[in-house]
């Protein structure tokens, strides 16, 4: 396709705009999805394109939207209306705000939590991932305590307070800044605070109130490198598929073991004991033979 040739249905194009309602990928948060609509055009038709990725070009500040044309023909110079997918935006915002609360809860709950630093993160509509520097695995009790603290802040319905100040002033006031992070304008950075629970430098999308996050659940904790732990979690409606899958697993186990859900731990423990005893008996008989 030539540079100025209109794009037809099925073609992937990059649409460059000087302003957009889409969040461009950055700060660990994925870009928004949605649609661009052009028209009516000269012939009265309209053109639509599905947006799959958005990045901001640093030098010009322009926004680059990767799109697939789904109807009509999209051409250079068309005026477009941009619409963000609202459900995905709300879920991503909830997970981003939950990441801030999770970071604060880890620092407040774990021994030597004040020395924890962020080693990476990823936020989308389905889940959040948060990497920290910590020398050992978290115990089940610690995971439960961190999760409970985040949910307590969610229940407290803490309003978000967003301000713009210098990096120096924000850090002096107690805001958390990522180590080594470079800011285009250090004199004007965005600070997001949720009551006394969390204050961070952040340019991402967030909920207006922690109650909008919904129930929060840590779904995994593991080591990914020496001295680095990864926590995965989900919140709000994004938890439903996970809970449904776990419920299905519990139902399958209760059916196979002919017991109630509350009896599963004891039943599984008894089977494990029987298996170990059987293995020892088999080994003894082999020795006798």
Protein backbone atom coordinates (compact mmCIF):
# COMPACT_ATOMS: atom_id res chain seq x y z
CA UNK A 1 0.00 0.00 0.00
CA UNK A 2 1.42 3.40 -0.95
CA UNK A 3 1.89 5.98 1.77
CA UNK A 4 -1.16 8.07 0.80
CA UNK A 5 -3.32 5.28 -0.58
CA UNK A 6 -6.56 4.65 1.38
CA UNK A 7 -6.58 1.54 3.59
CA UNK A 8 -9.34 -1.00 2.96
CA UNK A 9 -11.07 -3.55 5.19
CA UNK A 10 -8.64 -6.04 6.74
CA UNK A 11 -5.54 -3.88 6.32
CA UNK A 12 -3.40 -2.88 9.30
CA UNK A 13 -2.39 0.76 9.44
CA UNK A 14 -0.83 3.26 11.81
CA UNK A 15 -3.01 6.30 12.45
CA UNK A 16 -1.09 9.32 13.74
CA UNK A 17 -2.99 11.85 15.86
CA UNK A 18 -1.79 14.89 17.78
CA UNK A 19 -4.30 14.23 20.59
CA UNK A 20 -6.14 11.12 21.74
CA UNK A 21 -8.31 9.82 24.60
CA UNK A 22 -6.39 6.53 24.44
CA UNK A 23 -3.81 5.77 27.11
CA UNK A 24 -0.49 5.09 25.36
CA UNK A 25 1.47 2.12 26.68
CA UNK A 26 3.80 3.13 29.52
CA UNK A 27 4.51 2.78 33.22
CA UNK A 28 3.74 -0.93 33.08
CA UNK A 29 0.18 -0.31 31.88
CA UNK A 30 -1.03 -1.56 28.51
CA UNK A 31 -2.54 0.81 26.00
CA UNK A 32 -6.30 1.24 25.71
CA UNK A 33 -8.23 -0.53 22.98
CA UNK A 34 -11.18 0.89 21.11
CA UNK A 35 -12.23 2.24 17.73
CA UNK A 36 -11.62 5.11 15.34
CA UNK A 37 -14.53 6.24 13.17
CA UNK A 38 -14.20 8.51 10.15
CA UNK A 39 -17.16 10.05 8.36
CA UNK A 40 -19.51 10.53 6.97
CA UNK A 41 -17.12 10.84 4.04
CA UNK A 42 -17.82 12.51 0.73
CA UNK A 43 -19.97 9.64 -0.47
CA UNK A 44 -21.88 9.54 2.81
CA UNK A 45 -20.13 6.36 3.97
CA UNK A 46 -18.20 5.88 7.21
CA UNK A 47 -14.98 4.07 7.97
CA UNK A 48 -14.09 2.30 11.20
CA UNK A 49 -10.89 0.79 12.55
CA UNK A 50 -10.18 -1.27 15.65
CA UNK A 51 -7.29 0.03 17.74
CA UNK A 52 -4.96 -2.65 19.13
CA UNK A 53 -1.96 -0.62 20.30
CA UNK A 54 -1.07 3.00 21.07
CA UNK A 55 2.38 4.50 21.65
CA UNK A 56 3.55 8.08 21.99
CA UNK A 57 6.40 9.27 19.80
CA UNK A 58 8.78 10.97 22.27
CA UNK A 59 10.26 13.64 20.03
CA UNK A 60 7.05 14.94 18.45
CA UNK A 61 4.54 13.97 21.11
CA UNK A 62 2.28 12.47 18.43
CA UNK A 63 0.23 9.35 19.20
CA UNK A 64 0.62 6.31 16.96
CA UNK A 65 -2.44 4.03 16.85
CA UNK A 66 -2.05 0.57 15.36
CA UNK A 67 -5.41 -0.28 13.76
CA UNK A 68 -7.17 -2.81 11.56
CA UNK A 69 -9.74 -1.31 9.21
CA UNK A 70 -13.08 -3.05 9.80
CA UNK A 71 -15.39 -1.03 7.52
CA UNK A 72 -15.04 1.44 4.65
CA UNK A 73 -11.75 2.99 3.58
CA UNK A 74 -9.51 5.04 5.87
CA UNK A 75 -7.34 7.72 4.27
CA UNK A 76 -4.75 10.33 5.23
CA UNK A 77 -6.48 13.55 6.23
CA UNK A 78 -9.71 11.93 7.44
CA UNK A 79 -11.17 13.40 10.62
CA UNK A 80 -11.76 10.60 13.10
CA UNK A 81 -13.72 10.15 16.31
CA UNK A 82 -11.85 8.06 18.87
CA UNK A 83 -13.71 5.88 21.39
CA UNK A 84 -12.01 3.89 24.16
CA UNK A 85 -13.44 0.50 25.18
CA UNK A 86 -14.88 1.49 28.59
CA UNK A 87 -14.87 -1.89 30.37
CA UNK A 88 -11.21 -2.58 29.59
CA UNK A 89 -10.27 0.97 30.63
CA UNK A 90 -12.08 0.61 33.99
CA UNK A 91 -10.49 -2.77 34.68
CA UNK A 92 -7.00 -1.55 33.81
CA UNK A 93 -7.47 1.52 36.00
CA UNK A 94 -8.63 -0.68 38.89
CA UNK A 95 -5.62 -2.95 38.52
CA UNK A 96 -3.23 0.01 38.30
CA UNK A 97 -4.64 1.53 41.49
CA UNK A 98 -4.53 -1.91 43.13
CA UNK A 99 -0.84 -2.13 42.20
CA UNK A 100 -0.18 1.08 44.15
CA UNK A 101 -2.03 -0.31 47.18
CA UNK A 102 -0.22 -3.65 46.87
CA UNK A 103 3.16 -1.89 46.87
CA UNK A 104 2.20 0.08 49.97
CA UNK A 105 0.84 -3.01 51.72
CA UNK A 106 4.03 -4.97 51.06
CA UNK A 107 6.14 -2.19 52.54
CA UNK A 108 3.86 -1.86 55.56
CA UNK A 109 3.41 -5.58 56.25
CA UNK A 110 6.65 -7.45 55.52
CA UNK A 111 9.69 -7.42 57.82
CA UNK A 112 12.14 -4.85 56.41
CA UNK A 113 9.38 -3.85 54.01
CA UNK A 114 10.73 -0.32 53.87
CA UNK A 115 13.70 -1.59 51.86
CA UNK A 116 11.51 -3.11 49.13
CA UNK A 117 11.88 -1.56 45.69
CA UNK A 118 9.83 -2.15 42.57
CA UNK A 119 11.57 -4.32 39.97
CA UNK A 120 8.87 -4.22 37.30
CA UNK A 121 5.12 -4.30 36.77
CA UNK A 122 2.44 -5.07 34.18
CA UNK A 123 -1.16 -3.92 34.30
CA UNK A 124 -4.02 -4.78 31.97
CA UNK A 125 -7.75 -5.50 32.09
CA UNK A 126 -7.31 -9.09 33.24
CA UNK A 127 -4.74 -8.93 35.99
CA UNK A 128 -1.74 -7.19 37.50
CA UNK A 129 1.83 -8.33 37.96
CA UNK A 130 4.19 -6.70 40.44
CA UNK A 131 7.90 -7.54 40.89
CA UNK A 132 9.81 -6.55 44.01
CA UNK A 133 13.28 -6.94 45.41
CA UNK A 134 12.99 -9.25 48.43
CA UNK A 135 15.41 -11.94 49.62
CA UNK A 136 12.96 -14.79 50.29
CA UNK A 137 9.56 -16.25 49.52
CA UNK A 138 6.55 -14.79 51.30
CA UNK A 139 4.85 -17.14 53.75
CA UNK A 140 1.13 -17.95 53.27
CA UNK A 141 0.40 -15.88 56.38
CA UNK A 142 2.27 -12.88 54.93
CA UNK A 143 0.45 -13.16 51.61
CA UNK A 144 -2.87 -13.27 53.47
CA UNK A 145 -1.91 -10.25 55.60
CA UNK A 146 -0.89 -8.18 52.55
CA UNK A 147 -4.10 -9.13 50.76
CA UNK A 148 -6.18 -8.22 53.82
CA UNK A 149 -4.51 -4.82 54.12
CA UNK A 150 -5.24 -4.00 50.47
CA UNK A 151 -8.88 -5.05 50.87
CA UNK A 152 -9.16 -2.92 54.02
CA UNK A 153 -8.04 0.12 52.00
CA UNK A 154 -10.54 -0.82 49.29
CA UNK A 155 -13.33 -0.99 51.89
CA UNK A 156 -12.22 2.36 53.31
CA UNK A 157 -13.25 4.02 50.01
CA UNK A 158 -10.21 6.30 49.89
CA UNK A 159 -10.63 9.03 47.23
CA UNK A 160 -7.86 9.54 44.70
CA UNK A 161 -6.03 12.86 44.91
CA UNK A 162 -4.07 13.81 41.79
CA UNK A 163 -1.63 16.72 41.75
CA UNK A 164 1.27 18.03 39.67
CA UNK A 165 4.51 19.11 41.29
CA UNK A 166 8.27 18.69 40.96
CA UNK A 167 9.99 15.36 41.55
CA UNK A 168 11.99 16.90 44.37
CA UNK A 169 8.91 18.25 46.15
CA UNK A 170 6.95 15.02 45.68
CA UNK A 171 9.72 12.82 47.09
CA UNK A 172 10.29 15.21 49.97
CA UNK A 173 6.58 14.93 50.81
CA UNK A 174 6.83 11.13 50.93
CA UNK A 175 5.83 10.12 47.41
CA UNK A 176 7.37 6.93 46.02
CA UNK A 177 9.36 7.31 42.79
CA UNK A 178 10.75 4.41 40.77
CA UNK A 179 14.54 4.09 41.08
CA UNK A 180 16.26 5.33 37.93
CA UNK A 181 13.02 6.60 36.35
CA UNK A 182 13.55 9.46 33.90
CA UNK A 183 10.87 12.16 33.73
CA UNK A 184 10.53 14.39 30.62
CA UNK A 185 9.90 17.42 32.84
CA UNK A 186 11.09 16.88 36.46
CA UNK A 187 9.48 20.17 37.44
CA UNK A 188 5.99 18.93 36.54
CA UNK A 189 5.25 15.32 37.44
CA UNK A 190 1.92 13.72 38.27
CA UNK A 191 1.39 12.43 41.80
CA UNK A 192 -1.43 10.01 42.66
CA UNK A 193 -2.40 9.56 46.33
CA UNK A 194 -5.01 7.41 48.05
CA UNK A 195 -5.43 8.87 51.53
CA UNK A 196 -2.53 8.02 53.79
CA UNK A 197 -2.23 4.56 52.25
CA UNK A 198 -0.27 5.33 49.09
CA UNK A 199 1.39 8.25 47.30
CA UNK A 200 3.31 7.63 44.08
CA UNK A 201 4.58 9.43 41.02
CA UNK A 202 2.50 7.98 38.18
CA UNK A 203 1.10 8.93 34.80
CA UNK A 204 -1.30 5.99 34.44
CA UNK A 205 -5.07 5.72 34.65
CA UNK A 206 -6.62 5.22 38.08
CA UNK A 207 -9.94 4.82 39.84
CA UNK A 208 -11.55 7.84 41.48
CA UNK A 209 -12.00 5.94 44.73
CA UNK A 210 -10.42 2.72 46.08
CA UNK A 211 -13.92 1.24 46.46
CA UNK A 212 -14.03 1.14 42.65
CA UNK A 213 -11.24 -1.47 42.69
CA UNK A 214 -13.53 -4.15 44.12
CA UNK A 215 -12.40 -7.35 45.85
CA UNK A 216 -8.65 -7.94 45.56
CA UNK A 217 -6.99 -11.36 45.45
CA UNK A 218 -3.32 -12.35 45.21
CA UNK A 219 -3.25 -15.28 42.79
CA UNK A 220 0.44 -16.12 42.75
CA UNK A 221 3.81 -15.46 44.38
CA UNK A 222 7.10 -16.82 43.06
CA UNK A 223 10.77 -16.07 42.59
CA UNK A 224 11.85 -15.01 39.09
CA UNK A 225 15.49 -14.14 39.77
CA UNK A 226 17.93 -13.95 42.66
CA UNK A 227 16.40 -11.57 45.20
CA UNK A 228 13.37 -10.78 43.03
CA UNK A 229 9.82 -11.96 43.78
CA UNK A 230 6.79 -11.72 41.49
CA UNK A 231 3.24 -11.28 42.77
CA UNK A 232 0.22 -11.69 40.52
CA UNK A 233 -3.27 -10.53 41.47
CA UNK A 234 -6.70 -9.64 40.12
CA UNK A 235 -9.48 -7.38 41.30
CA UNK A 236 -13.15 -6.68 40.73
CA UNK A 237 -14.93 -8.41 37.87
CA UNK A 238 -11.60 -9.73 36.56
CA UNK A 239 -11.69 -12.14 39.53
CA UNK A 240 -14.82 -13.94 38.29
CA UNK A 241 -13.16 -16.24 35.70
CA UNK A 242 -10.51 -17.22 38.26
CA UNK A 243 -13.09 -17.97 40.94
CA UNK A 244 -15.20 -19.95 38.48
CA UNK A 245 -12.19 -22.06 37.46
CA UNK A 246 -11.25 -22.77 41.07
CA UNK A 247 -14.85 -23.59 41.93
CA UNK A 248 -14.93 -26.09 39.07
CA UNK A 249 -11.72 -27.69 40.40
CA UNK A 250 -13.19 -27.99 43.89
CA UNK A 251 -16.38 -29.56 42.54
CA UNK A 252 -14.37 -32.10 40.53
CA UNK A 253 -12.30 -33.03 43.59
CA UNK A 254 -15.29 -33.38 45.89
CA UNK A 255 -16.97 -35.64 43.34
CA UNK A 256 -13.87 -37.80 42.88
CA UNK A 257 -13.20 -38.11 46.62
CA UNK A 258 -16.86 -38.33 47.66
CA UNK A 259 -16.55 -35.63 50.33
CA UNK A 260 -17.60 -32.06 51.03
CA UNK A 261 -15.45 -29.09 50.10
CA UNK A 262 -14.58 -28.41 53.74
CA UNK A 263 -13.29 -32.01 54.05
CA UNK A 264 -10.91 -31.78 51.09
CA UNK A 265 -7.74 -30.77 53.01
CA UNK A 266 -8.07 -33.67 55.47
CA UNK A 267 -9.02 -36.13 52.72
CA UNK A 268 -6.09 -35.16 50.51
CA UNK A 269 -3.71 -35.29 53.49
CA UNK A 270 -4.96 -38.79 54.37
CA UNK A 271 -4.46 -39.98 50.79
CA UNK A 272 -0.93 -38.55 50.78
CA UNK A 273 -0.17 -40.41 54.03
CA UNK A 274 -1.55 -43.63 52.53
CA UNK A 275 0.55 -43.16 49.41
CA UNK A 276 3.72 -42.62 51.45
CA UNK A 277 2.99 -45.64 53.62
CA UNK A 278 2.37 -47.74 50.52
CA UNK A 279 5.62 -46.60 48.95
CA UNK A 280 7.56 -47.53 52.09
CA UNK A 281 5.88 -50.97 52.20
CA UNK A 282 6.69 -51.58 48.55
CA UNK A 283 10.33 -50.63 49.12
CA UNK A 284 10.54 -52.97 52.11
CA UNK A 285 9.10 -55.88 50.12
CA UNK A 286 11.54 -55.25 47.28
CA UNK A 287 14.38 -55.43 49.78
CA UNK A 288 13.08 -58.75 51.15
CA UNK A 289 12.72 -60.20 47.64
